[in-house]
N, C-alpha and C. Protein backbone atom coordinates (compact mmCIF):
# COMPACT_ATOMS: atom_id res chain seq x y z
N MET A 1 126.44 96.26 99.21
CA MET A 1 125.76 95.66 98.33
C MET A 1 124.95 96.64 97.72
N PRO A 2 125.10 96.44 96.28
CA PRO A 2 124.76 97.50 95.46
C PRO A 2 123.50 97.46 95.45
N ARG A 3 122.58 99.18 95.10
CA ARG A 3 121.56 99.62 95.06
C ARG A 3 120.63 98.80 93.88
N ASN A 4 121.38 98.29 92.20
CA ASN A 4 120.66 98.39 91.63
C ASN A 4 120.86 96.69 91.74
N PRO A 5 119.85 95.47 91.51
CA PRO A 5 119.08 94.37 91.29
C PRO A 5 120.08 93.90 89.46
N THR A 6 120.53 94.77 88.99
CA THR A 6 120.67 93.62 87.67
C THR A 6 122.29 93.80 88.08
N THR A 7 122.98 94.48 88.58
CA THR A 7 124.34 94.17 89.31
C THR A 7 124.45 93.21 90.30
N TRP A 8 123.24 92.66 90.92
CA TRP A 8 123.69 91.15 92.35
C TRP A 8 123.96 90.77 91.95
N ASN A 9 125.23 89.26 92.71
CA ASN A 9 125.44 88.43 92.17
C ASN A 9 124.54 87.26 92.33
N LEU A 10 125.00 85.85 91.56
CA LEU A 10 124.09 85.26 91.98
C LEU A 10 123.92 84.87 93.95
N SER A 11 124.10 84.56 94.32
CA SER A 11 124.18 84.31 95.55
C SER A 11 123.27 85.49 96.24
N THR A 12 123.23 86.67 96.02
CA THR A 12 122.60 87.65 96.67
C THR A 12 120.84 87.33 96.59
N TRP A 13 121.10 86.63 95.07
CA TRP A 13 119.80 86.34 94.09
C TRP A 13 119.18 85.26 94.98
N LEU A 14 120.01 84.48 95.17
CA LEU A 14 119.33 82.64 96.20
C LEU A 14 118.91 83.07 97.47
N LEU A 15 119.65 84.26 98.13
CA LEU A 15 119.47 84.22 99.43
C LEU A 15 118.22 84.94 99.46
N ALA A 16 117.41 86.10 98.02
CA ALA A 16 116.37 86.68 98.41
C ALA A 16 115.29 85.06 97.85
N SER A 17 115.57 84.80 97.19
CA SER A 17 114.52 83.79 96.95
C SER A 17 114.76 82.74 98.28
N ALA A 18 115.59 82.32 98.61
CA ALA A 18 115.11 81.36 99.61
C ALA A 18 114.29 81.78 101.11
N MET A 19 115.03 83.14 101.16
CA MET A 19 113.98 83.40 101.90
C MET A 19 112.87 83.79 102.27
N ALA A 20 112.70 84.64 101.24
CA ALA A 20 110.70 84.84 100.56
C ALA A 20 110.36 83.48 100.62
N THR A 21 110.91 82.18 99.93
CA THR A 21 109.99 81.02 99.78
C THR A 21 109.85 80.15 100.66
N ALA A 22 110.96 80.12 102.18
CA ALA A 22 111.11 79.96 103.45
C ALA A 22 109.91 80.90 104.51
N GLY A 23 110.02 81.44 103.68
CA GLY A 23 108.70 82.34 104.16
C GLY A 23 107.67 81.85 103.81
N GLY A 24 107.32 82.09 102.70
CA GLY A 24 106.16 80.81 102.23
C GLY A 24 105.88 79.84 102.73
N PHE A 25 106.56 79.06 103.03
CA PHE A 25 106.30 77.08 102.51
C PHE A 25 105.90 77.77 104.80
N VAL A 26 106.49 78.06 105.39
CA VAL A 26 106.42 78.50 106.72
C VAL A 26 104.95 78.87 107.00
N ASN A 27 104.52 79.91 106.31
CA ASN A 27 103.16 79.90 106.30
C ASN A 27 102.05 78.73 105.09
N TRP A 28 102.54 78.04 104.36
CA TRP A 28 101.39 77.03 103.96
C TRP A 28 101.80 75.87 105.42
N TYR A 29 102.95 75.94 106.17
CA TYR A 29 102.94 74.80 106.87
C TYR A 29 101.75 75.11 108.07
N ALA A 30 102.21 76.51 108.80
CA ALA A 30 100.96 76.84 109.38
C ALA A 30 99.94 76.54 109.09
N ASN A 31 99.13 76.87 107.65
CA ASN A 31 97.77 76.50 107.44
C ASN A 31 97.41 75.05 107.76
N VAL A 32 98.49 73.91 106.68
CA VAL A 32 97.81 72.84 106.53
C VAL A 32 98.13 72.10 108.97
N ARG A 33 98.43 72.92 109.02
CA ARG A 33 98.76 72.55 111.03
C ARG A 33 97.28 72.93 110.98
N ARG A 34 96.58 74.21 111.19
CA ARG A 34 95.49 74.79 112.05
C ARG A 34 94.62 74.03 110.69
N GLY A 35 94.42 73.20 109.40
CA GLY A 35 93.00 72.58 108.81
C GLY A 35 92.90 73.28 108.29
N TYR A 36 93.40 74.39 107.69
CA TYR A 36 93.19 75.59 106.20
C TYR A 36 93.85 74.45 104.80
N SER A 37 94.57 74.12 105.15
CA SER A 37 94.74 73.53 104.02
C SER A 37 94.96 71.94 103.94
N ARG A 38 95.55 71.09 102.71
CA ARG A 38 95.39 70.14 103.03
C ARG A 38 96.93 70.16 103.09
N ALA A 39 97.82 69.24 103.10
CA ALA A 39 99.31 68.78 102.70
C ALA A 39 99.19 67.90 101.72
N CYS A 40 98.57 67.21 100.97
CA CYS A 40 99.04 67.04 99.74
C CYS A 40 98.24 68.35 98.51
N ASN A 41 98.11 69.03 99.18
CA ASN A 41 97.55 69.48 97.58
C ASN A 41 98.68 70.65 97.37
N ILE A 42 99.17 70.24 96.49
CA ILE A 42 100.96 70.69 95.52
C ILE A 42 100.31 71.93 94.37
N ALA A 43 99.12 72.25 94.30
CA ALA A 43 98.73 73.35 93.74
C ALA A 43 98.84 74.47 94.70
N GLU A 44 97.69 74.51 95.66
CA GLU A 44 98.61 75.52 96.59
C GLU A 44 99.82 75.90 97.53
N LEU A 45 100.11 74.80 97.97
CA LEU A 45 102.21 74.75 97.85
C LEU A 45 103.04 76.13 97.44
N VAL A 46 102.05 75.29 95.69
CA VAL A 46 103.07 75.88 94.85
C VAL A 46 102.78 77.70 94.67
N GLY A 47 101.66 77.77 94.61
CA GLY A 47 100.92 79.10 94.56
C GLY A 47 101.21 79.62 95.62
N GLU A 48 101.09 79.00 96.86
CA GLU A 48 102.21 80.37 97.92
C GLU A 48 103.83 80.10 98.03
N LEU A 49 104.27 79.96 97.37
CA LEU A 49 105.26 79.90 97.29
C LEU A 49 106.10 80.65 96.29
N PHE A 50 104.88 80.69 95.02
CA PHE A 50 105.30 81.62 94.34
C PHE A 50 105.29 83.19 94.34
N THR A 51 103.88 83.37 94.74
CA THR A 51 103.14 84.67 96.01
C THR A 51 104.01 84.76 96.28
N SER A 52 104.84 83.59 97.27
CA SER A 52 105.54 84.69 98.41
C SER A 52 107.10 85.14 97.83
N ALA A 53 107.48 84.59 97.26
CA ALA A 53 108.95 85.23 96.57
C ALA A 53 108.37 85.95 95.39
N PHE A 54 107.39 86.21 95.03
CA PHE A 54 106.96 87.89 94.69
C PHE A 54 107.53 89.01 95.56
N VAL A 55 106.45 88.28 96.47
CA VAL A 55 106.31 89.91 97.54
C VAL A 55 107.78 89.98 98.16
N GLY A 56 108.34 88.30 98.70
CA GLY A 56 109.91 88.59 99.82
C GLY A 56 111.04 89.28 98.39
N ILE A 57 110.84 88.94 97.21
CA ILE A 57 112.14 89.52 96.50
C ILE A 57 111.83 90.71 96.13
N GLY A 58 110.56 91.24 96.37
CA GLY A 58 110.00 92.88 96.85
C GLY A 58 110.72 94.01 97.35
N ALA A 59 110.21 92.67 98.49
CA ALA A 59 110.71 93.64 100.80
C ALA A 59 112.49 93.93 100.28
N PHE A 60 112.99 91.78 99.76
CA PHE A 60 114.19 92.88 99.52
C PHE A 60 115.15 93.72 98.79
N MET A 61 114.16 93.92 97.89
CA MET A 61 114.50 94.91 96.65
C MET A 61 114.60 96.73 96.93
N LEU A 62 112.92 96.55 98.10
CA LEU A 62 113.33 97.53 98.68
C LEU A 62 114.18 97.95 99.64
N ALA A 63 114.05 97.15 100.84
CA ALA A 63 115.55 97.22 101.23
C ALA A 63 116.18 97.39 101.03
N ALA A 64 117.30 96.99 99.79
CA ALA A 64 118.47 97.13 99.09
C ALA A 64 118.26 98.66 99.06
N ALA A 65 117.42 99.07 98.72
CA ALA A 65 117.48 100.34 97.73
C ALA A 65 117.77 101.60 98.74
N LEU A 66 116.85 101.02 100.15
CA LEU A 66 117.24 101.98 101.58
C LEU A 66 118.71 101.40 102.16
N ASP A 67 119.55 101.20 101.28
CA ASP A 67 121.02 101.14 101.85
C ASP A 67 121.14 100.30 103.37
N GLN A 68 120.40 99.11 103.49
CA GLN A 68 120.02 98.14 104.63
C GLN A 68 121.27 97.54 104.63
N PRO A 69 121.54 96.56 105.73
CA PRO A 69 122.93 95.85 105.20
C PRO A 69 121.75 94.40 105.03
N GLU A 70 122.78 93.39 103.96
CA GLU A 70 121.96 92.59 103.79
C GLU A 70 121.68 91.12 104.06
N GLY A 71 121.41 91.11 106.02
CA GLY A 71 121.12 90.54 106.29
C GLY A 71 120.04 90.31 107.03
N VAL A 72 119.63 92.63 107.01
CA VAL A 72 118.58 92.77 107.07
C VAL A 72 117.45 92.75 106.02
N CYS A 73 118.10 92.76 105.01
CA CYS A 73 117.38 92.88 103.82
C CYS A 73 116.74 91.26 103.40
N ALA A 74 117.37 90.39 104.21
CA ALA A 74 117.22 88.43 103.50
C ALA A 74 116.11 88.64 105.05
N ALA A 75 116.15 89.04 106.20
CA ALA A 75 115.62 88.90 106.93
C ALA A 75 113.75 89.50 106.26
N LEU A 76 113.72 90.50 105.62
CA LEU A 76 112.32 91.19 105.43
C LEU A 76 112.12 91.29 104.49
N ALA A 77 113.21 90.09 102.91
CA ALA A 77 111.93 88.86 102.87
C ALA A 77 111.62 88.31 103.46
N GLY A 78 111.96 87.32 103.99
CA GLY A 78 111.05 86.01 104.42
C GLY A 78 110.29 86.30 105.71
N VAL A 79 110.36 88.21 105.67
CA VAL A 79 108.72 88.67 106.74
C VAL A 79 107.81 88.52 105.61
N GLY A 80 108.15 89.06 104.80
CA GLY A 80 107.68 89.71 103.34
C GLY A 80 107.12 88.50 102.65
N GLY A 81 107.66 87.25 102.41
CA GLY A 81 107.46 85.88 101.76
C GLY A 81 106.64 85.62 103.10
N HIS A 82 105.86 85.61 104.05
CA HIS A 82 105.35 85.23 105.26
C HIS A 82 103.59 86.09 105.33
N MET A 83 104.40 87.04 104.89
CA MET A 83 102.79 87.76 104.94
C MET A 83 102.19 88.32 103.65
N GLY A 84 102.66 87.82 102.63
CA GLY A 84 102.68 87.92 100.45
C GLY A 84 101.29 87.52 100.96
N SER A 85 101.30 86.19 100.75
CA SER A 85 99.37 85.67 100.75
C SER A 85 98.54 86.18 101.86
N ARG A 86 99.30 86.00 102.88
CA ARG A 86 98.27 86.62 104.02
C ARG A 86 97.71 88.09 103.38
N LEU A 87 98.22 89.16 103.47
CA LEU A 87 98.04 90.20 102.58
C LEU A 87 97.51 89.93 101.44
N LEU A 88 97.62 89.53 100.57
CA LEU A 88 96.51 88.38 99.16
C LEU A 88 95.04 88.29 99.86
N PHE A 89 95.12 87.35 100.80
CA PHE A 89 93.89 86.80 101.52
C PHE A 89 93.52 88.08 102.09
N ILE A 90 93.76 89.49 102.28
CA ILE A 90 92.85 90.22 103.50
C ILE A 90 92.28 90.84 102.36
N ILE A 91 92.53 91.55 101.50
CA ILE A 91 92.54 92.57 100.34
C ILE A 91 91.24 91.51 99.29
N GLU A 92 91.73 90.15 99.76
CA GLU A 92 90.34 89.51 98.74
C GLU A 92 89.28 89.18 99.64
N ARG A 93 89.19 89.30 100.89
CA ARG A 93 88.16 89.08 102.14
C ARG A 93 87.13 91.02 101.72
N TRP A 94 88.02 91.83 101.74
CA TRP A 94 87.31 93.21 101.90
C TRP A 94 87.13 93.49 100.59
N LEU A 95 87.47 92.73 99.36
CA LEU A 95 86.85 93.10 98.09
C LEU A 95 85.35 92.30 98.34
N GLU A 96 85.40 91.15 98.92
CA GLU A 96 83.99 89.93 99.50
C GLU A 96 83.19 91.07 99.46
N THR A 97 83.61 91.23 101.08
CA THR A 97 82.61 92.61 101.54
C THR A 97 82.26 93.96 100.82
N ARG A 98 82.65 94.04 100.20
CA ARG A 98 82.63 95.39 99.67
C ARG A 98 81.39 95.01 98.68
N MET A 99 81.60 93.91 97.50
CA MET A 99 80.58 93.89 96.54
C MET A 99 79.98 93.13 96.83
N SER A 100 79.62 92.76 98.07
CA SER A 100 78.90 91.53 98.67
C SER A 100 77.30 93.00 98.51
N LYS A 101 77.39 94.26 99.51
CA LYS A 101 76.78 95.16 100.07
C LYS A 101 75.91 95.25 99.20
N PRO A 102 74.60 95.90 99.27
CA PRO A 102 73.82 96.31 98.52
C PRO A 102 73.83 97.88 97.60
């Protein structure tokens, strides 16, 4: 697989995007099952999918730049997509606690 994303074909982009958004969907569904989110909240689902797609595609690109096989890149895109919004949530919590202290 070429290192330069501008030379990737459509199937590579679809693979990266699909794995990343699938990771985000799994995270959203887990939150719904735990009661943290409502299933009918479409805005939250769309936000989760876009955040996970951004982080997952970034993970895919990073793994491709390190000359990893396409399957490993796809797996890392899914994991990155799943963890993308969680990382943002952790950073948000950390900032809230830092700013609330006198």
